[in-house]
PDB file of N, CA and C in Angstrom:
ATOM      1  N   MET A   1      20.074 -48.368  20.437  1.00  0.00           N
ATOM      2  CA  MET A   1      21.521 -47.201  20.030  1.00  0.00           C
ATOM      3  C   MET A   1      21.737 -46.537  21.742  1.00  0.00           C
ATOM      4  N   GLN A   2      23.165 -46.883  21.979  1.00  0.00           N
ATOM      5  CA  GLN A   2      23.376 -46.400  23.392  1.00  0.00           C
ATOM      6  C   GLN A   2      24.265 -45.574  22.992  1.00  0.00           C
ATOM      7  N   ILE A   3      24.052 -44.132  23.480  1.00  0.00           N
ATOM      8  CA  ILE A   3      24.669 -42.993  23.482  1.00  0.00           C
ATOM      9  C   ILE A   3      25.236 -42.606  25.299  1.00  0.00           C
ATOM     10  N   LYS A   4      26.106 -42.176  25.446  1.00  0.00           N
ATOM     11  CA  LYS A   4      26.955 -41.739  26.790  1.00  0.00           C
ATOM     12  C   LYS A   4      27.190 -40.515  26.162  1.00  0.00           C
ATOM     13  N   ILE A   5      27.241 -39.137  27.301  1.00  0.00           N
ATOM     14  CA  ILE A   5      28.252 -37.906  27.134  1.00  0.00           C
ATOM     15  C   ILE A   5      28.440 -38.230  28.524  1.00  0.00           C
ATOM     16  N   LEU A   6      29.881 -37.986  27.977  1.00  0.00           N
ATOM     17  CA  LEU A   6      31.126 -37.980  29.321  1.00  0.00           C
ATOM     18  C   LEU A   6      31.346 -36.818  29.393  1.00  0.00           C
ATOM     19  N   GLY A   7      31.024 -36.282  31.001  1.00  0.00           N
ATOM     20  CA  GLY A   7      30.986 -35.111  31.691  1.00  0.00           C
ATOM     21  C   GLY A   7      30.622 -34.605  32.756  1.00  0.00           C
ATOM     22  N   THR A   8      31.427 -33.523  33.620  1.00  0.00           N
ATOM     23  CA  THR A   8      30.818 -33.713  34.988  1.00  0.00           C
ATOM     24  C   THR A   8      29.739 -32.515  35.171  1.00  0.00           C
ATOM     25  N   GLY A   9      29.174 -31.946  34.237  1.00  0.00           N
ATOM     26  CA  GLY A   9      28.123 -31.304  34.363  1.00  0.00           C
ATOM     27  C   GLY A   9      28.094 -29.823  34.038  1.00  0.00           C
ATOM     28  N   CYS A  10      29.651 -29.567  33.348  1.00  0.00           N
ATOM     29  CA  CYS A  10      29.457 -28.230  32.760  1.00  0.00           C
ATOM     30  C   CYS A  10      28.784 -28.133  31.817  1.00  0.00           C
ATOM     31  N   PRO A  11      28.880 -26.542  31.249  1.00  0.00           N
ATOM     32  CA  PRO A  11      27.592 -26.236  30.294  1.00  0.00           C
ATOM     33  C   PRO A  11      27.834 -26.691  29.018  1.00  0.00           C
ATOM     34  N   LYS A  12      29.156 -27.145  28.387  1.00  0.00           N
ATOM     35  CA  LYS A  12      29.501 -28.070  27.032  1.00  0.00           C
ATOM     36  C   LYS A  12      28.753 -28.944  27.253  1.00  0.00           C
ATOM     37  N   CYS A  13      29.104 -29.827  28.155  1.00  0.00           N
ATOM     38  CA  CYS A  13      28.651 -31.428  28.353  1.00  0.00           C
ATOM     39  C   CYS A  13      26.921 -31.469  28.322  1.00  0.00           C
ATOM     40  N   LYS A  14      26.381 -30.390  29.158  1.00  0.00           N
ATOM     41  CA  LYS A  14      24.960 -30.296  28.950  1.00  0.00           C
ATOM     42  C   LYS A  14      24.447 -29.734  27.360  1.00  0.00           C
ATOM     43  N   PHE A  15      25.040 -28.951  26.828  1.00  0.00           N
ATOM     44  CA  PHE A  15      24.896 -28.450  25.091  1.00  0.00           C
ATOM     45  C   PHE A  15      25.177 -29.818  24.320  1.00  0.00           C
ATOM     46  N   LEU A  16      26.098 -30.560  24.533  1.00  0.00           N
ATOM     47  CA  LEU A  16      26.354 -31.956  23.658  1.00  0.00           C
ATOM     48  C   LEU A  16      25.156 -32.928  23.937  1.00  0.00           C
ATOM     49  N   GLU A  17      24.699 -32.847  25.253  1.00  0.00           N
ATOM     50  CA  GLU A  17      23.660 -33.631  25.736  1.00  0.00           C
ATOM     51  C   GLU A  17      22.120 -32.864  24.665  1.00  0.00           C
ATOM     52  N   GLU A  18      21.901 -31.850  24.788  1.00  0.00           N
ATOM     53  CA  GLU A  18      20.744 -31.541  24.121  1.00  0.00           C
ATOM     54  C   GLU A  18      21.014 -31.541  22.752  1.00  0.00           C
ATOM     55  N   ARG A  19      22.027 -31.518  22.094  1.00  0.00           N
ATOM     56  CA  ARG A  19      22.311 -31.273  20.608  1.00  0.00           C
ATOM     57  C   ARG A  19      21.964 -32.563  20.215  1.00  0.00           C
ATOM     58  N   VAL A  20      22.537 -33.899  20.911  1.00  0.00           N
ATOM     59  CA  VAL A  20      22.236 -35.274  20.680  1.00  0.00           C
ATOM     60  C   VAL A  20      21.247 -35.566  20.572  1.00  0.00           C
ATOM     61  N   ALA A  21      20.473 -35.140  21.679  1.00  0.00           N
ATOM     62  CA  ALA A  21      18.512 -35.183  21.779  1.00  0.00           C
ATOM     63  C   ALA A  21      18.170 -34.657  20.531  1.00  0.00           C
ATOM     64  N   LYS A  22      18.343 -33.655  20.494  1.00  0.00           N
ATOM     65  CA  LYS A  22      17.582 -32.971  18.929  1.00  0.00           C
ATOM     66  C   LYS A  22      18.172 -33.479  17.685  1.00  0.00           C
ATOM     67  N   VAL A  23      18.858 -33.929  17.413  1.00  0.00           N
ATOM     68  CA  VAL A  23      19.394 -34.570  15.727  1.00  0.00           C
ATOM     69  C   VAL A  23      18.717 -36.128  16.081  1.00  0.00           C
ATOM     70  N   ALA A  24      18.680 -36.272  16.912  1.00  0.00           N
ATOM     71  CA  ALA A  24      17.841 -38.013  17.060  1.00  0.00           C
ATOM     72  C   ALA A  24      16.171 -37.658  17.000  1.00  0.00           C
ATOM     73  N   ALA A  25      16.086 -37.083  17.632  1.00  0.00           N
ATOM     74  CA  ALA A  25      14.326 -36.259  17.284  1.00  0.00           C
ATOM     75  C   ALA A  25      14.141 -35.835  16.386  1.00  0.00           C
ATOM     76  N   GLU A  26      14.722 -34.869  15.654  1.00  0.00           N
ATOM     77  CA  GLU A  26      14.466 -34.355  14.305  1.00  0.00           C
ATOM     78  C   GLU A  26      14.539 -35.708  13.178  1.00  0.00           C
ATOM     79  N   ASN A  27      15.214 -36.676  13.642  1.00  0.00           N
ATOM     80  CA  ASN A  27      15.692 -37.716  12.571  1.00  0.00           C
ATOM     81  C   ASN A  27      15.121 -39.126  13.095  1.00  0.00           C
ATOM     82  N   ASP A  28      13.912 -38.899  13.506  1.00  0.00           N
ATOM     83  CA  ASP A  28      13.533 -40.206  14.035  1.00  0.00           C
ATOM     84  C   ASP A  28      13.733 -41.205  14.475  1.00  0.00           C
ATOM     85  N   ILE A  29      15.604 -40.860  15.120  1.00  0.00           N
ATOM     86  CA  ILE A  29      16.162 -42.071  15.583  1.00  0.00           C
ATOM     87  C   ILE A  29      16.126 -42.393  17.106  1.00  0.00           C
ATOM     88  N   GLN A  30      15.754 -43.335  17.497  1.00  0.00           N
ATOM     89  CA  GLN A  30      15.372 -44.308  18.877  1.00  0.00           C
ATOM     90  C   GLN A  30      16.881 -44.515  19.285  1.00  0.00           C
ATOM     91  N   ILE A  31      17.309 -43.626  20.326  1.00  0.00           N
ATOM     92  CA  ILE A  31      18.351 -43.893  20.908  1.00  0.00           C
ATOM     93  C   ILE A  31      18.061 -43.809  22.902  1.00  0.00           C
ATOM     94  N   ASP A  32      19.498 -44.452  23.455  1.00  0.00           N
ATOM     95  CA  ASP A  32      19.323 -44.685  24.690  1.00  0.00           C
ATOM     96  C   ASP A  32      20.309 -43.833  25.171  1.00  0.00           C
ATOM     97  N   LEU A  33      19.886 -42.228  25.943  1.00  0.00           N
ATOM     98  CA  LEU A  33      20.647 -41.463  26.036  1.00  0.00           C
ATOM     99  C   LEU A  33      21.037 -41.368  27.276  1.00  0.00           C
ATOM    100  N   GLN A  34      22.616 -41.370  27.747  1.00  0.00           N
ATOM    101  CA  GLN A  34      23.002 -41.781  29.432  1.00  0.00           C
ATOM    102  C   GLN A  34      24.039 -40.555  29.629  1.00  0.00           C
ATOM    103  N   LYS A  35      24.052 -39.887  30.894  1.00  0.00           N
ATOM    104  CA  LYS A  35      25.261 -39.515  31.229  1.00  0.00           C
ATOM    105  C   LYS A  35      25.945 -39.760  32.120  1.00  0.00           C
ATOM    106  N   VAL A  36      27.187 -39.477  31.972  1.00  0.00           N
ATOM    107  CA  VAL A  36      28.662 -40.281  32.636  1.00  0.00           C
ATOM    108  C   VAL A  36      29.083 -39.035  33.154  1.00  0.00           C
ATOM    109  N   THR A  37      29.023 -39.073  34.633  1.00  0.00           N
ATOM    110  CA  THR A  37      29.532 -37.795  35.662  1.00  0.00           C
ATOM    111  C   THR A  37      30.714 -38.132  36.239  1.00  0.00           C
ATOM    112  N   ASP A  38      30.717 -39.380  36.787  1.00  0.00           N
ATOM    113  CA  ASP A  38      31.772 -40.225  37.803  1.00  0.00           C
ATOM    114  C   ASP A  38      32.892 -39.856  36.697  1.00  0.00           C
ATOM    115  N   ILE A  39      34.004 -38.718  37.544  1.00  0.00           N
ATOM    116  CA  ILE A  39      35.699 -38.624  36.998  1.00  0.00           C
ATOM    117  C   ILE A  39      36.115 -40.217  36.402  1.00  0.00           C
ATOM    118  N   ASN A  40      36.256 -41.128  37.489  1.00  0.00           N
ATOM    119  CA  ASN A  40      36.677 -42.233  37.000  1.00  0.00           C
ATOM    120  C   ASN A  40      35.975 -43.135  35.960  1.00  0.00           C
ATOM    121  N   ASP A  41      34.598 -43.071  35.567  1.00  0.00           N
ATOM    122  CA  ASP A  41      34.157 -43.644  34.500  1.00  0.00           C
ATOM    123  C   ASP A  41      34.499 -43.045  33.510  1.00  0.00           C
ATOM    124  N   ILE A  42      34.609 -41.749  33.826  1.00  0.00           N
ATOM    125  CA  ILE A  42      34.987 -40.671  32.344  1.00  0.00           C
ATOM    126  C   ILE A  42      35.994 -41.556  31.721  1.00  0.00           C
ATOM    127  N   MET A  43      37.025 -41.457  32.985  1.00  0.00           N
ATOM    128  CA  MET A  43      38.672 -41.817  32.521  1.00  0.00           C
ATOM    129  C   MET A  43      39.267 -43.121  31.900  1.00  0.00           C
ATOM    130  N   SER A  44      37.859 -44.295  32.902  1.00  0.00           N
ATOM    131  CA  SER A  44      37.672 -45.621  31.836  1.00  0.00           C
ATOM    132  C   SER A  44      37.740 -45.863  30.482  1.00  0.00           C
ATOM    133  N   TYR A  45      37.151 -44.281  29.819  1.00  0.00           N
ATOM    134  CA  TYR A  45      37.159 -44.551  28.564  1.00  0.00           C
ATOM    135  C   TYR A  45      38.058 -44.305  27.510  1.00  0.00           C
ATOM    136  N   GLY A  46      39.309 -43.748  28.490  1.00  0.00           N
ATOM    137  CA  GLY A  46      40.534 -42.528  28.219  1.00  0.00           C
ATOM    138  C   GLY A  46      39.896 -41.332  27.583  1.00  0.00           C
ATOM    139  N   VAL A  47      39.400 -41.018  28.224  1.00  0.00           N
ATOM    140  CA  VAL A  47      38.903 -39.864  27.722  1.00  0.00           C
ATOM    141  C   VAL A  47      39.774 -38.593  29.090  1.00  0.00           C
ATOM    142  N   MET A  48      40.345 -37.679  28.228  1.00  0.00           N
ATOM    143  CA  MET A  48      41.213 -36.891  29.701  1.00  0.00           C
ATOM    144  C   MET A  48      40.090 -35.208  29.318  1.00  0.00           C
ATOM    145  N   MET A  49      39.401 -35.039  28.047  1.00  0.00           N
ATOM    146  CA  MET A  49      38.978 -33.867  28.239  1.00  0.00           C
ATOM    147  C   MET A  49      37.362 -33.778  27.900  1.00  0.00           C
ATOM    148  N   THR A  50      36.665 -33.459  28.449  1.00  0.00           N
ATOM    149  CA  THR A  50      35.185 -33.061  28.371  1.00  0.00           C
ATOM    150  C   THR A  50      34.673 -32.121  27.584  1.00  0.00           C
ATOM    151  N   PRO A  51      33.457 -32.079  26.660  1.00  0.00           N
ATOM    152  CA  PRO A  51      32.964 -33.373  27.090  1.00  0.00           C
ATOM    153  C   PRO A  51      33.223 -34.538  25.759  1.00  0.00           C
ATOM    154  N   GLY A  52      32.936 -35.645  26.626  1.00  0.00           N
ATOM    155  CA  GLY A  52      33.398 -36.885  25.570  1.00  0.00           C
ATOM    156  C   GLY A  52      31.736 -37.496  24.994  1.00  0.00           C
ATOM    157  N   LEU A  53      31.647 -38.091  24.136  1.00  0.00           N
ATOM    158  CA  LEU A  53      30.326 -38.886  23.186  1.00  0.00           C
ATOM    159  C   LEU A  53      30.842 -40.245  22.956  1.00  0.00           C
ATOM    160  N   VAL A  54      30.113 -40.773  23.892  1.00  0.00           N
ATOM    161  CA  VAL A  54      30.328 -42.480  23.134  1.00  0.00           C
ATOM    162  C   VAL A  54      28.689 -42.903  22.186  1.00  0.00           C
ATOM    163  N   VAL A  55      29.468 -43.519  21.356  1.00  0.00           N
ATOM    164  CA  VAL A  55      27.828 -44.549  20.780  1.00  0.00           C
ATOM    165  C   VAL A  55      28.447 -45.733  20.640  1.00  0.00           C
ATOM    166  N   ASP A  56      27.431 -46.835  21.188  1.00  0.00           N
ATOM    167  CA  ASP A  56      27.793 -48.279  21.686  1.00  0.00           C
ATOM    168  C   ASP A  56      29.047 -48.750  21.836  1.00  0.00           C
ATOM    169  N   GLY A  57      29.438 -47.700  22.886  1.00  0.00           N
ATOM    170  CA  GLY A  57      30.875 -48.191  23.310  1.00  0.00           C
ATOM    171  C   GLY A  57      32.119 -47.609  22.874  1.00  0.00           C
ATOM    172  N   GLU A  58      32.065 -46.820  21.673  1.00  0.00           N
ATOM    173  CA  GLU A  58      33.029 -46.341  20.758  1.00  0.00           C
ATOM    174  C   GLU A  58      32.808 -44.945  21.204  1.00  0.00           C
ATOM    175  N   VAL A  59      34.154 -44.672  21.339  1.00  0.00           N
ATOM    176  CA  VAL A  59      34.188 -43.088  21.911  1.00  0.00           C
ATOM    177  C   VAL A  59      34.826 -42.203  20.142  1.00  0.00           C
ATOM    178  N   LYS A  60      33.626 -41.865  20.220  1.00  0.00           N
ATOM    179  CA  LYS A  60      33.594 -40.624  18.895  1.00  0.00           C
ATOM    180  C   LYS A  60      34.377 -39.341  18.841  1.00  0.00           C
ATOM    181  N   ILE A  61      34.233 -38.854  20.293  1.00  0.00           N
ATOM    182  CA  ILE A  61      34.863 -37.176  20.447  1.00  0.00           C
ATOM    183  C   ILE A  61      35.053 -36.783  21.694  1.00  0.00           C
ATOM    184  N   SER A  62      35.891 -36.306  22.026  1.00  0.00           N
ATOM    185  CA  SER A  62      36.102 -35.792  23.461  1.00  0.00           C
ATOM    186  C   SER A  62      36.782 -34.320  23.230  1.00  0.00           C
ATOM    187  N   GLY A  63      37.095 -33.295  24.326  1.00  0.00           N
ATOM    188  CA  GLY A  63      37.440 -32.416  24.531  1.00  0.00           C
ATOM    189  C   GLY A  63      36.547 -31.303  23.309  1.00  0.00           C
ATOM    190  N   LYS A  64      35.534 -31.723  22.656  1.00  0.00           N
ATOM    191  CA  LYS A  64      34.932 -30.538  21.774  1.00  0.00           C
ATOM    192  C   LYS A  64      33.489 -30.846  21.499  1.00  0.00           C
ATOM    193  N   ILE A  65      32.793 -30.124  20.863  1.00  0.00           N
ATOM    194  CA  ILE A  65      31.494 -30.338  20.639  1.00  0.00           C
ATOM    195  C   ILE A  65      31.170 -30.213  19.293  1.00  0.00           C
ATOM    196  N   PRO A  66      30.928 -31.528  18.754  1.00  0.00           N
ATOM    197  CA  PRO A  66      30.843 -31.803  17.594  1.00  0.00           C
ATOM    198  C   PRO A  66      29.477 -31.406  16.937  1.00  0.00           C
ATOM    199  N   SER A  67      29.422 -30.926  15.265  1.00  0.00           N
ATOM    200  CA  SER A  67      28.442 -30.230  14.923  1.00  0.00           C
ATOM    201  C   SER A  67      27.501 -31.680  14.720  1.00  0.00           C
ATOM    202  N   GLU A  68      26.004 -31.214  14.474  1.00  0.00           N
ATOM    203  CA  GLU A  68      24.824 -31.830  14.116  1.00  0.00           C
ATOM    204  C   GLU A  68      25.264 -32.711  12.919  1.00  0.00           C
ATOM    205  N   LYS A  69      25.958 -32.194  12.313  1.00  0.00           N
ATOM    206  CA  LYS A  69      25.991 -33.193  10.941  1.00  0.00           C
ATOM    207  C   LYS A  69      27.131 -34.281  11.511  1.00  0.00           C
ATOM    208  N   GLU A  70      27.842 -34.089  11.962  1.00  0.00           N
ATOM    209  CA  GLU A  70      28.619 -34.951  12.888  1.00  0.00           C
ATOM    210  C   GLU A  70      28.238 -36.053  13.046  1.00  0.00           C
ATOM    211  N   ILE A  71      27.220 -35.643  14.187  1.00  0.00           N
ATOM    212  CA  ILE A  71      26.452 -36.400  15.459  1.00  0.00           C
ATOM    213  C   ILE A  71      25.676 -37.943  14.653  1.00  0.00           C
ATOM    214  N   LEU A  72      24.688 -36.806  13.492  1.00  0.00           N
ATOM    215  CA  LEU A  72      23.900 -37.899  12.721  1.00  0.00           C
ATOM    216  C   LEU A  72      24.521 -38.579  11.968  1.00  0.00           C
ATOM    217  N   GLY A  73      25.687 -38.142  11.532  1.00  0.00           N
ATOM    218  CA  GLY A  73      26.682 -39.152  10.842  1.00  0.00           C
ATOM    219  C   GLY A  73      27.022 -40.889  11.605  1.00  0.00           C
ATOM    220  N   TRP A  74      27.219 -40.422  13.211  1.00  0.00           N
ATOM    221  CA  TRP A  74      27.605 -41.499  13.922  1.00  0.00           C
ATOM    222  C   TRP A  74      26.598 -42.256  14.639  1.00  0.00           C
ATOM    223  N   ILE A  75      25.434 -41.898  14.564  1.00  0.00           N
ATOM    224  CA  ILE A  75      24.079 -42.518  14.865  1.00  0.00           C
ATOM    225  C   ILE A  75      23.193 -42.670  13.876  1.00  0.00           C
ATOM    226  N   GLN A  76      23.415 -42.690  12.435  1.00  0.00           N
ATOM    227  CA  GLN A  76      22.657 -43.436  11.962  1.00  0.00           C
ATOM    228  C   GLN A  76      22.612 -44.920  11.482  1.00  0.00           C
TER     229      GLN A  76
END
């Protein structure tokens, strides 16, 4: 499963990356976690507010940090 964190490196983006990694590890889910920091690449997903979360090519959320429960639902 490929997961991308869209963001330029702000604290919220880093927190989302940590939260996704934590949820995956706690639930023994293998993920390929990548950071996308280039603004043009971020905009190519239609995301105008960061952080953004993309799971297997589909934008799940942008502009806010999802709960651990929401993340788990998207990566199971």
